[in-house]
Amino acid sequence: MELRQLEYFVAVAEERNFTRAAERVHISQSGVSAQIRRLERELGAELFDRSARTVTLTVAGKAALEHARAALAAAGAVGQAVGEVTELIRGRLAVGMVIGCTVTPLFDALAAFHRAHPGVEISLLEENSGRLVEGVRAGAVDMALIGAAAATPDGLEALTIVSERLVAAVPAGHPLARRRRVALRDLVAHPLVCMPPGTGLRAVLDRACAARSLQPSIALQASAADAIADLAARGLGVGVLSASMAADHGDRLIARTIEDIETPALLALVWRGAHNPALRELLVHGRRAFAGPESARR
């Protein structure tokens, strides 16, 4: 049994797909499949059910997964321990970012960290916030920038970057532009352009509508704030954005705070525990990068 076999096994288990796992570990799909088969022969049991389109773990695979993760973590800890003694941090960090973010400070933090610690391999993935939180809890993602509604996820450490209320963003000729006050019931009387499920903004909107038994008409969805603003400016629906997002487009959109949605949408860095010295150093750079007054945008 080799560490690389365990690495491939964990990758397939987390990606639930041999092709994506192969891309993640940077070898061919056939190479991943061959090593997994060899591992299964050594263990005397199949680890995956390959009968459906999505690969799932067998009972034996579920039993093996946490032990495989622990073995990989232990192997990584050996290098980290030596690195700490020699003042050289090594290893890997998986960083997640919610889809559709414009997060220059995060990129600044990653660049500064890479310059200081070139021995650490960094991978960056985009996903919805729910999947990123699952990844952090499972140990597949070391740190993630996520969107959330009102509060950061339970059981994880967090650094809130932005906490803002939702606004309706419309062009000058829109009926809502002439109102001084906009309530949620006024908003849902119009088609909406908003972010997809799995983002903090959408979670705030959906929860507020559900609490009032309102059914919004989602005309269009986009993952990027700029795209929502462009669509709203063209009259395709009322854009639902945070205050700072809308402020970036004040030359063509009028923003009205949705008065009865008091729950803020959050943008936050989350992690499970900074036991990894590389993660501790990345968090130092992250806090520094996000400390400026104009440091974060969703």
C-alpha atoms as a PDB file:
ATOM      1  CA  MET A   1       0.000   0.000   0.000  1.00  0.00           C
ATOM      2  CA  GLU A   2       1.424   3.364  -1.083  1.00  0.00           C
ATOM      3  CA  LEU A   3       0.582   6.898  -0.008  1.00  0.00           C
ATOM      4  CA  ARG A   4      -0.199   7.865  -3.579  1.00  0.00           C
ATOM      5  CA  GLN A   5      -2.834   5.126  -3.719  1.00  0.00           C
ATOM      6  CA  LEU A   6      -4.440   6.560  -0.615  1.00  0.00           C
ATOM      7  CA  GLU A   7      -4.247  10.051  -2.128  1.00  0.00           C
ATOM      8  CA  TYR A   8      -6.025   8.845  -5.287  1.00  0.00           C
ATOM      9  CA  PHE A   9      -8.607   6.975  -3.211  1.00  0.00           C
ATOM     10  CA  VAL A  10      -9.424  10.103  -1.169  1.00  0.00           C
ATOM     11  CA  ALA A  11      -9.581  12.233  -4.334  1.00  0.00           C
ATOM     12  CA  VAL A  12     -12.096   9.894  -5.999  1.00  0.00           C
ATOM     13  CA  ALA A  13     -14.142   9.668  -2.791  1.00  0.00           C
ATOM     14  CA  GLU A  14     -14.346  13.458  -2.477  1.00  0.00           C
ATOM     15  CA  GLU A  15     -14.881  14.236  -6.160  1.00  0.00           C
ATOM     16  CA  ARG A  16     -17.225  11.248  -6.707  1.00  0.00           C
ATOM     17  CA  ASN A  17     -15.842  11.038 -10.223  1.00  0.00           C
ATOM     18  CA  PHE A  18     -12.671   9.429 -11.612  1.00  0.00           C
ATOM     19  CA  THR A  19     -12.123  12.118 -14.265  1.00  0.00           C
ATOM     20  CA  ARG A  20     -12.289  15.026 -11.808  1.00  0.00           C
ATOM     21  CA  ALA A  21     -10.106  13.112  -9.354  1.00  0.00           C
ATOM     22  CA  ALA A  22      -7.491  12.552 -12.066  1.00  0.00           C
ATOM     23  CA  GLU A  23      -7.478  16.283 -12.869  1.00  0.00           C
ATOM     24  CA  ARG A  24      -7.058  17.061  -9.179  1.00  0.00           C
ATOM     25  CA  VAL A  25      -4.008  14.809  -8.714  1.00  0.00           C
ATOM     26  CA  HIS A  26      -2.590  15.654 -12.151  1.00  0.00           C
ATOM     27  CA  ILE A  27      -2.390  12.190 -13.693  1.00  0.00           C
ATOM     28  CA  SER A  28      -4.463  10.330 -16.276  1.00  0.00           C
ATOM     29  CA  GLN A  29      -7.810   8.777 -15.426  1.00  0.00           C
ATOM     30  CA  SER A  30      -6.466   5.361 -16.375  1.00  0.00           C
ATOM     31  CA  GLY A  31      -3.598   5.853 -13.935  1.00  0.00           C
ATOM     32  CA  VAL A  32      -5.989   6.669 -11.102  1.00  0.00           C
ATOM     33  CA  SER A  33      -8.207   3.689 -11.966  1.00  0.00           C
ATOM     34  CA  ALA A  34      -5.241   1.317 -12.093  1.00  0.00           C
ATOM     35  CA  GLN A  35      -3.906   2.417  -8.711  1.00  0.00           C
ATOM     36  CA  ILE A  36      -7.355   2.166  -7.111  1.00  0.00           C
ATOM     37  CA  ARG A  37      -7.764  -1.365  -8.492  1.00  0.00           C
ATOM     38  CA  ARG A  38      -4.347  -2.293  -7.113  1.00  0.00           C
ATOM     39  CA  LEU A  39      -5.316  -0.896  -3.709  1.00  0.00           C
ATOM     40  CA  GLU A  40      -8.596  -2.852  -3.779  1.00  0.00           C
ATOM     41  CA  ARG A  41      -6.717  -6.071  -4.557  1.00  0.00           C
ATOM     42  CA  GLU A  42      -4.358  -5.448  -1.635  1.00  0.00           C
ATOM     43  CA  LEU A  43      -7.262  -4.793   0.720  1.00  0.00           C
ATOM     44  CA  GLY A  44      -9.386  -7.635  -0.642  1.00  0.00           C
ATOM     45  CA  ALA A  45     -12.501  -5.484  -1.111  1.00  0.00           C
ATOM     46  CA  GLU A  46     -13.983  -3.040  -3.597  1.00  0.00           C
ATOM     47  CA  LEU A  47     -13.899   0.521  -2.329  1.00  0.00           C
ATOM     48  CA  PHE A  48     -16.246   2.085  -4.898  1.00  0.00           C
ATOM     49  CA  ASP A  49     -19.565   1.233  -6.485  1.00  0.00           C
ATOM     50  CA  ARG A  50     -18.993   2.040 -10.150  1.00  0.00           C
ATOM     51  CA  SER A  51     -22.427   0.953 -11.423  1.00  0.00           C
ATOM     52  CA  ALA A  52     -23.924   4.487 -11.568  1.00  0.00           C
ATOM     53  CA  ARG A  53     -22.743   7.682 -13.250  1.00  0.00           C
ATOM     54  CA  THR A  54     -21.672   9.099  -9.882  1.00  0.00           C
ATOM     55  CA  VAL A  55     -19.082   6.989  -8.099  1.00  0.00           C
ATOM     56  CA  THR A  56     -20.091   6.134  -4.528  1.00  0.00           C
ATOM     57  CA  LEU A  57     -18.256   4.502  -1.665  1.00  0.00           C
ATOM     58  CA  THR A  58     -19.013   0.912  -0.701  1.00  0.00           C
ATOM     59  CA  VAL A  59     -19.302  -0.052   2.953  1.00  0.00           C
ATOM     60  CA  ALA A  60     -15.616  -0.985   2.871  1.00  0.00           C
ATOM     61  CA  GLY A  61     -14.778   2.332   1.219  1.00  0.00           C
ATOM     62  CA  LYS A  62     -16.609   4.303   3.894  1.00  0.00           C
ATOM     63  CA  ALA A  63     -14.724   2.392   6.577  1.00  0.00           C
ATOM     64  CA  ALA A  64     -11.401   3.125   4.887  1.00  0.00           C
ATOM     65  CA  LEU A  65     -11.882   6.809   4.053  1.00  0.00           C
ATOM     66  CA  GLU A  66     -11.161   8.456   7.411  1.00  0.00           C
ATOM     67  CA  HIS A  67      -8.169   6.167   7.988  1.00  0.00           C
ATOM     68  CA  ALA A  68      -6.810   7.100   4.559  1.00  0.00           C
ATOM     69  CA  ARG A  69      -7.215  10.787   5.344  1.00  0.00           C
ATOM     70  CA  ALA A  70      -5.504  10.296   8.689  1.00  0.00           C
ATOM     71  CA  ALA A  71      -2.588   8.469   7.058  1.00  0.00           C
ATOM     72  CA  LEU A  72      -2.115  11.278   4.519  1.00  0.00           C
ATOM     73  CA  ALA A  73      -2.337  13.895   7.255  1.00  0.00           C
ATOM     74  CA  ALA A  74       0.234  12.017   9.330  1.00  0.00           C
ATOM     75  CA  ALA A  75       2.595  11.791   6.374  1.00  0.00           C
ATOM     76  CA  GLY A  76       2.184  15.513   5.743  1.00  0.00           C
ATOM     77  CA  ALA A  77       2.835  16.234   9.404  1.00  0.00           C
ATOM     78  CA  VAL A  78       6.259  14.603   9.154  1.00  0.00           C
ATOM     79  CA  GLY A  79       7.356  17.133   6.544  1.00  0.00           C
ATOM     80  CA  GLN A  80       5.734  19.977   8.436  1.00  0.00           C
ATOM     81  CA  ALA A  81       7.482  19.032  11.674  1.00  0.00           C
ATOM     82  CA  VAL A  82      10.868  18.990   9.952  1.00  0.00           C
ATOM     83  CA  GLY A  83       9.986  22.230   8.198  1.00  0.00           C
ATOM     84  CA  GLU A  84       9.164  23.962  11.467  1.00  0.00           C
ATOM     85  CA  VAL A  85      12.513  22.908  12.929  1.00  0.00           C
ATOM     86  CA  THR A  86      14.361  24.176   9.869  1.00  0.00           C
ATOM     87  CA  GLU A  87      12.075  27.250   9.598  1.00  0.00           C
ATOM     88  CA  LEU A  88      10.906  26.107   6.169  1.00  0.00           C
ATOM     89  CA  ILE A  89       7.168  25.501   5.728  1.00  0.00           C
ATOM     90  CA  ARG A  90       6.247  22.850   3.179  1.00  0.00           C
ATOM     91  CA  GLY A  91       3.159  20.927   2.174  1.00  0.00           C
ATOM     92  CA  ARG A  92      -0.121  21.667   0.423  1.00  0.00           C
ATOM     93  CA  LEU A  93      -3.041  23.983   1.015  1.00  0.00           C
ATOM     94  CA  ALA A  94      -6.460  23.721  -0.611  1.00  0.00           C
ATOM     95  CA  VAL A  95      -8.233  27.086  -0.663  1.00  0.00           C
ATOM     96  CA  GLY A  96     -11.878  27.468  -1.631  1.00  0.00           C
ATOM     97  CA  MET A  97     -13.691  30.507  -2.997  1.00  0.00           C
ATOM     98  CA  VAL A  98     -17.421  30.956  -3.462  1.00  0.00           C
ATOM     99  CA  ILE A  99     -18.388  31.191  -7.132  1.00  0.00           C
ATOM    100  CA  GLY A 100     -18.804  34.706  -8.474  1.00  0.00           C
ATOM    101  CA  CYS A 101     -16.629  36.579  -5.979  1.00  0.00           C
ATOM    102  CA  THR A 102     -14.333  39.445  -6.890  1.00  0.00           C
ATOM    103  CA  VAL A 103     -11.822  38.936  -4.139  1.00  0.00           C
ATOM    104  CA  THR A 104      -8.607  40.793  -4.916  1.00  0.00           C
ATOM    105  CA  PRO A 105      -7.497  40.731  -1.243  1.00  0.00           C
ATOM    106  CA  LEU A 106      -7.655  36.925  -1.231  1.00  0.00           C
ATOM    107  CA  PHE A 107      -5.430  36.817  -4.293  1.00  0.00           C
ATOM    108  CA  ASP A 108      -3.102  39.344  -2.644  1.00  0.00           C
ATOM    109  CA  ALA A 109      -2.912  37.090   0.424  1.00  0.00           C
ATOM    110  CA  LEU A 110      -2.145  34.019  -1.691  1.00  0.00           C
ATOM    111  CA  ALA A 111       0.566  35.880  -3.619  1.00  0.00           C
ATOM    112  CA  ALA A 112       2.221  37.213  -0.467  1.00  0.00           C
ATOM    113  CA  PHE A 113       2.079  33.772   1.141  1.00  0.00           C
ATOM    114  CA  HIS A 114       3.599  32.147  -1.960  1.00  0.00           C
ATOM    115  CA  ARG A 115       6.479  34.625  -1.985  1.00  0.00           C
ATOM    116  CA  ALA A 116       7.166  33.929   1.696  1.00  0.00           C
ATOM    117  CA  HIS A 117       6.687  30.142   1.506  1.00  0.00           C
ATOM    118  CA  PRO A 118       7.382  28.849  -2.024  1.00  0.00           C
ATOM    119  CA  GLY A 119       7.631  25.284  -0.708  1.00  0.00           C
ATOM    120  CA  VAL A 120       3.858  25.121  -0.145  1.00  0.00           C
ATOM    121  CA  GLU A 121       1.720  23.986  -3.086  1.00  0.00           C
ATOM    122  CA  ILE A 122      -1.556  25.944  -3.267  1.00  0.00           C
ATOM    123  CA  SER A 123      -4.699  24.817  -5.075  1.00  0.00           C
ATOM    124  CA  LEU A 124      -7.706  27.109  -5.566  1.00  0.00           C
ATOM    125  CA  LEU A 125     -11.214  25.885  -6.278  1.00  0.00           C
ATOM    126  CA  GLU A 126     -14.540  27.620  -6.856  1.00  0.00           C
ATOM    127  CA  GLU A 127     -17.748  26.119  -5.478  1.00  0.00           C
ATOM    128  CA  ASN A 128     -20.979  27.169  -3.860  1.00  0.00           C
ATOM    129  CA  SER A 129     -20.754  28.016  -0.185  1.00  0.00           C
ATOM    130  CA  GLY A 130     -22.522  24.878   1.025  1.00  0.00           C
ATOM    131  CA  ARG A 131     -20.084  22.578  -0.736  1.00  0.00           C
ATOM    132  CA  LEU A 132     -17.121  24.617   0.496  1.00  0.00           C
ATOM    133  CA  VAL A 133     -18.287  24.363   4.106  1.00  0.00           C
ATOM    134  CA  GLU A 134     -18.664  20.591   3.676  1.00  0.00           C
ATOM    135  CA  GLY A 135     -15.129  20.470   2.285  1.00  0.00           C
ATOM    136  CA  VAL A 136     -13.690  22.417   5.225  1.00  0.00           C
ATOM    137  CA  ARG A 137     -15.492  20.202   7.736  1.00  0.00           C
ATOM    138  CA  ALA A 138     -14.279  17.055   5.951  1.00  0.00           C
ATOM    139  CA  GLY A 139     -10.697  18.300   5.781  1.00  0.00           C
ATOM    140  CA  ALA A 140     -10.640  18.402   1.980  1.00  0.00           C
ATOM    141  CA  VAL A 141     -10.426  22.227   1.997  1.00  0.00           C
ATOM    142  CA  ASP A 142      -8.112  24.016   4.424  1.00  0.00           C
ATOM    143  CA  MET A 143      -9.668  27.466   4.212  1.00  0.00           C
ATOM    144  CA  ALA A 144     -12.554  28.917   2.224  1.00  0.00           C
ATOM    145  CA  LEU A 145     -14.068  32.279   1.438  1.00  0.00           C
ATOM    146  CA  ILE A 146     -17.826  31.741   1.654  1.00  0.00           C
ATOM    147  CA  GLY A 147     -21.090  33.636   1.609  1.00  0.00           C
ATOM    148  CA  ALA A 148     -23.503  33.101   4.495  1.00  0.00           C
ATOM    149  CA  ALA A 149     -26.732  34.451   5.910  1.00  0.00           C
ATOM    150  CA  ALA A 150     -26.575  36.228   9.286  1.00  0.00           C
ATOM    151  CA  ALA A 151     -24.047  33.893  10.938  1.00  0.00           C
ATOM    152  CA  THR A 152     -20.976  31.893   9.992  1.00  0.00           C
ATOM    153  CA  PRO A 153     -21.238  28.058  10.041  1.00  0.00           C
ATOM    154  CA  ASP A 154     -21.309  26.315  13.404  1.00  0.00           C
ATOM    155  CA  GLY A 155     -18.222  24.388  14.418  1.00  0.00           C
ATOM    156  CA  LEU A 156     -15.792  26.341  12.234  1.00  0.00           C
ATOM    157  CA  GLU A 157     -13.519  29.243  13.013  1.00  0.00           C
ATOM    158  CA  ALA A 158     -14.301  32.318  10.963  1.00  0.00           C
ATOM    159  CA  LEU A 159     -13.222  35.826  10.057  1.00  0.00           C
ATOM    160  CA  THR A 160     -16.119  37.954   8.773  1.00  0.00           C
ATOM    161  CA  ILE A 161     -14.985  40.164   5.903  1.00  0.00           C
ATOM    162  CA  VAL A 162     -18.252  41.866   4.916  1.00  0.00           C
ATOM    163  CA  SER A 163     -21.658  42.099   6.613  1.00  0.00           C
ATOM    164  CA  GLU A 164     -24.204  44.024   4.537  1.00  0.00           C
ATOM    165  CA  ARG A 165     -27.913  44.267   3.935  1.00  0.00           C
ATOM    166  CA  LEU A 166     -29.602  43.482   0.623  1.00  0.00           C
ATOM    167  CA  VAL A 167     -30.662  46.176  -1.825  1.00  0.00           C
ATOM    168  CA  ALA A 168     -32.850  46.340  -4.907  1.00  0.00           C
ATOM    169  CA  ALA A 169     -30.849  47.712  -7.840  1.00  0.00           C
ATOM    170  CA  VAL A 170     -32.844  49.231 -10.736  1.00  0.00           C
ATOM    171  CA  PRO A 171     -32.308  51.693 -13.594  1.00  0.00           C
ATOM    172  CA  ALA A 172     -33.638  55.239 -13.256  1.00  0.00           C
ATOM    173  CA  GLY A 173     -36.933  54.627 -15.089  1.00  0.00           C
ATOM    174  CA  HIS A 174     -38.009  51.640 -12.995  1.00  0.00           C
ATOM    175  CA  PRO A 175     -41.074  52.009 -10.678  1.00  0.00           C
ATOM    176  CA  LEU A 176     -39.001  51.053  -7.634  1.00  0.00           C
ATOM    177  CA  ALA A 177     -36.571  53.887  -8.373  1.00  0.00           C
ATOM    178  CA  ARG A 178     -39.348  56.360  -7.631  1.00  0.00           C
ATOM    179  CA  ARG A 179     -40.087  54.845  -4.218  1.00  0.00           C
ATOM    180  CA  ARG A 180     -38.275  56.129  -1.163  1.00  0.00           C
ATOM    181  CA  ARG A 181     -38.986  52.907   0.741  1.00  0.00           C
ATOM    182  CA  VAL A 182     -38.903  49.363  -0.686  1.00  0.00           C
ATOM    183  CA  ALA A 183     -40.288  46.367   1.197  1.00  0.00           C
ATOM    184  CA  LEU A 184     -39.887  42.719   0.283  1.00  0.00           C
ATOM    185  CA  ARG A 185     -43.499  42.557  -0.939  1.00  0.00           C
ATOM    186  CA  ASP A 186     -42.760  45.459  -3.312  1.00  0.00           C
ATOM    187  CA  LEU A 187     -39.655  43.662  -4.541  1.00  0.00           C
ATOM    188  CA  VAL A 188     -41.302  40.324  -5.367  1.00  0.00           C
ATOM    189  CA  ALA A 189     -43.958  42.073  -7.447  1.00  0.00           C
ATOM    190  CA  HIS A 190     -41.241  42.292 -10.113  1.00  0.00           C
ATOM    191  CA  PRO A 191     -39.046  39.690 -11.832  1.00  0.00           C
ATOM    192  CA  LEU A 192     -35.705  39.355 -10.032  1.00  0.00           C
ATOM    193  CA  VAL A 193     -32.114  38.906 -11.127  1.00  0.00           C
ATOM    194  CA  CYS A 194     -30.088  37.367  -8.333  1.00  0.00           C
ATOM    195  CA  MET A 195     -27.343  34.970  -7.377  1.00  0.00           C
ATOM    196  CA  PRO A 196     -27.925  31.200  -7.465  1.00  0.00           C
ATOM    197  CA  PRO A 197     -28.640  28.965  -4.469  1.00  0.00           C
ATOM    198  CA  GLY A 198     -25.554  28.228  -2.401  1.00  0.00           C
ATOM    199  CA  THR A 199     -24.553  31.884  -2.044  1.00  0.00           C
ATOM    200  CA  GLY A 200     -25.012  34.075   1.021  1.00  0.00           C
ATOM    201  CA  LEU A 201     -27.116  36.662  -0.791  1.00  0.00           C
ATOM    202  CA  ARG A 202     -29.516  34.073  -2.132  1.00  0.00           C
ATOM    203  CA  ALA A 203     -29.829  32.404   1.263  1.00  0.00           C
ATOM    204  CA  VAL A 204     -30.851  35.716   2.856  1.00  0.00           C
ATOM    205  CA  LEU A 205     -33.415  36.382   0.115  1.00  0.00           C
ATOM    206  CA  ASP A 206     -34.892  32.878   0.162  1.00  0.00           C
ATOM    207  CA  ARG A 207     -35.225  32.796   3.952  1.00  0.00           C
ATOM    208  CA  ALA A 208     -36.894  36.206   4.052  1.00  0.00           C
ATOM    209  CA  CYS A 209     -39.401  35.193   1.363  1.00  0.00           C
ATOM    210  CA  ALA A 210     -40.155  31.877   3.072  1.00  0.00           C
ATOM    211  CA  ALA A 211     -40.753  33.634   6.405  1.00  0.00           C
ATOM    212  CA  ARG A 212     -43.435  35.793   4.750  1.00  0.00           C
ATOM    213  CA  SER A 213     -44.856  33.058   2.492  1.00  0.00           C
ATOM    214  CA  LEU A 214     -43.834  35.024  -0.603  1.00  0.00           C
ATOM    215  CA  GLN A 215     -42.936  33.405  -3.927  1.00  0.00           C
ATOM    216  CA  PRO A 216     -40.375  35.484  -5.846  1.00  0.00           C
ATOM    217  CA  SER A 217     -40.171  35.228  -9.614  1.00  0.00           C
ATOM    218  CA  ILE A 218     -36.502  34.581 -10.405  1.00  0.00           C
ATOM    219  CA  ALA A 219     -36.119  35.736 -13.985  1.00  0.00           C
ATOM    220  CA  LEU A 220     -32.357  35.217 -14.271  1.00  0.00           C
ATOM    221  CA  GLN A 221     -29.491  33.997 -12.114  1.00  0.00           C
ATOM    222  CA  ALA A 222     -25.834  34.966 -12.335  1.00  0.00           C
ATOM    223  CA  SER A 223     -22.876  34.156 -10.126  1.00  0.00           C
ATOM    224  CA  ALA A 224     -21.090  37.482 -10.561  1.00  0.00           C
ATOM    225  CA  ALA A 225     -22.303  40.818  -9.195  1.00  0.00           C
ATOM    226  CA  ASP A 226     -21.237  42.626 -12.360  1.00  0.00           C
ATOM    227  CA  ALA A 227     -23.416  40.308 -14.456  1.00  0.00           C
ATOM    228  CA  ILE A 228     -26.439  40.901 -12.210  1.00  0.00           C
ATOM    229  CA  ALA A 229     -25.880  44.664 -12.489  1.00  0.00           C
ATOM    230  CA  ASP A 230     -25.601  44.457 -16.288  1.00  0.00           C
ATOM    231  CA  LEU A 231     -28.828  42.469 -16.559  1.00  0.00           C
ATOM    232  CA  ALA A 232     -30.685  44.788 -14.192  1.00  0.00           C
ATOM    233  CA  ALA A 233     -29.438  47.881 -16.056  1.00  0.00           C
ATOM    234  CA  ARG A 234     -30.937  46.420 -19.244  1.00  0.00           C
ATOM    235  CA  GLY A 235     -34.345  46.063 -17.623  1.00  0.00           C
ATOM    236  CA  LEU A 236     -34.373  42.277 -17.417  1.00  0.00           C
ATOM    237  CA  GLY A 237     -35.278  42.258 -13.732  1.00  0.00           C
ATOM    238  CA  VAL A 238     -34.643  43.897 -10.391  1.00  0.00           C
ATOM    239  CA  GLY A 239     -31.097  43.161  -9.287  1.00  0.00           C
ATOM    240  CA  VAL A 240     -30.693  41.830  -5.753  1.00  0.00           C
ATOM    241  CA  LEU A 241     -27.245  42.785  -4.500  1.00  0.00           C
ATOM    242  CA  SER A 242     -25.418  43.860  -1.364  1.00  0.00           C
ATOM    243  CA  ALA A 243     -24.931  47.563  -0.705  1.00  0.00           C
ATOM    244  CA  SER A 244     -21.265  47.610  -1.770  1.00  0.00           C
ATOM    245  CA  MET A 245     -21.955  45.606  -4.912  1.00  0.00           C
ATOM    246  CA  ALA A 246     -24.631  48.081  -5.992  1.00  0.00           C
ATOM    247  CA  ALA A 247     -22.412  51.048  -5.114  1.00  0.00           C
ATOM    248  CA  ASP A 248     -19.947  49.929  -7.772  1.00  0.00           C
ATOM    249  CA  HIS A 249     -22.671  50.539 -10.376  1.00  0.00           C
ATOM    250  CA  GLY A 250     -24.114  53.785  -9.038  1.00  0.00           C
ATOM    251  CA  ASP A 251     -23.664  55.485 -12.416  1.00  0.00           C
ATOM    252  CA  ARG A 252     -26.420  53.351 -13.970  1.00  0.00           C
ATOM    253  CA  LEU A 253     -28.399  51.778 -11.125  1.00  0.00           C
ATOM    254  CA  ILE A 254     -30.338  53.195  -8.210  1.00  0.00           C
ATOM    255  CA  ALA A 255     -30.108  51.130  -5.025  1.00  0.00           C
ATOM    256  CA  ARG A 256     -32.911  50.916  -2.483  1.00  0.00           C
ATOM    257  CA  THR A 257     -32.380  49.048   0.788  1.00  0.00           C
ATOM    258  CA  ILE A 258     -34.996  46.325   1.259  1.00  0.00           C
ATOM    259  CA  GLU A 259     -36.275  47.602   4.570  1.00  0.00           C
ATOM    260  CA  ASP A 260     -37.800  44.458   6.025  1.00  0.00           C
ATOM    261  CA  ILE A 261     -34.830  42.205   5.246  1.00  0.00           C
ATOM    262  CA  GLU A 262     -32.651  43.033   8.224  1.00  0.00           C
ATOM    263  CA  THR A 263     -30.583  39.834   8.092  1.00  0.00           C
ATOM    264  CA  PRO A 264     -27.178  40.683   6.635  1.00  0.00           C
ATOM    265  CA  ALA A 265     -25.380  38.734   3.962  1.00  0.00           C
ATOM    266  CA  LEU A 266     -21.892  37.802   5.090  1.00  0.00           C
ATOM    267  CA  LEU A 267     -18.632  37.140   3.323  1.00  0.00           C
ATOM    268  CA  ALA A 268     -16.253  35.242   5.590  1.00  0.00           C
ATOM    269  CA  LEU A 269     -13.083  33.194   5.692  1.00  0.00           C
ATOM    270  CA  VAL A 270     -13.708  29.863   7.441  1.00  0.00           C
ATOM    271  CA  TRP A 271     -11.377  27.082   8.573  1.00  0.00           C
ATOM    272  CA  ARG A 272     -11.608  24.077  10.894  1.00  0.00           C
ATOM    273  CA  GLY A 273      -8.517  24.688  13.033  1.00  0.00           C
ATOM    274  CA  ALA A 274      -5.111  26.180  12.367  1.00  0.00           C
ATOM    275  CA  HIS A 275      -3.026  23.157  13.422  1.00  0.00           C
ATOM    276  CA  ASN A 276      -1.228  23.208  10.071  1.00  0.00           C
ATOM    277  CA  PRO A 277       1.665  25.730  10.189  1.00  0.00           C
ATOM    278  CA  ALA A 278       1.114  26.594   6.521  1.00  0.00           C
ATOM    279  CA  LEU A 279      -2.534  27.426   7.234  1.00  0.00           C
ATOM    280  CA  ARG A 280      -1.545  29.540  10.220  1.00  0.00           C
ATOM    281  CA  GLU A 281       0.776  31.570   8.021  1.00  0.00           C
ATOM    282  CA  LEU A 282      -1.841  31.917   5.275  1.00  0.00           C
ATOM    283  CA  LEU A 283      -4.339  33.224   7.839  1.00  0.00           C
ATOM    284  CA  VAL A 284      -1.807  35.868   8.899  1.00  0.00           C
ATOM    285  CA  HIS A 285      -1.550  37.040   5.295  1.00  0.00           C
ATOM    286  CA  GLY A 286      -5.328  36.818   4.882  1.00  0.00           C
ATOM    287  CA  ARG A 287      -6.054  38.992   7.900  1.00  0.00           C
ATOM    288  CA  ARG A 288      -3.492  41.528   6.701  1.00  0.00           C
ATOM    289  CA  ALA A 289      -4.896  41.627   3.154  1.00  0.00           C
ATOM    290  CA  PHE A 290      -8.497  42.044   4.291  1.00  0.00           C
ATOM    291  CA  ALA A 291      -7.676  44.698   6.904  1.00  0.00           C
ATOM    292  CA  GLY A 292      -7.964  47.680   4.521  1.00  0.00           C
ATOM    293  CA  PRO A 293     -11.211  49.685   4.305  1.00  0.00           C
ATOM    294  CA  GLU A 294     -11.786  48.802   0.663  1.00  0.00           C
ATOM    295  CA  SER A 295     -10.417  45.299   0.897  1.00  0.00           C
ATOM    296  CA  ALA A 296     -13.383  43.058   0.104  1.00  0.00           C
ATOM    297  CA  ARG A 297     -16.066  42.856  -2.514  1.00  0.00           C
ATOM    298  CA  ARG A 298     -18.598  40.105  -3.177  1.00  0.00           C
END
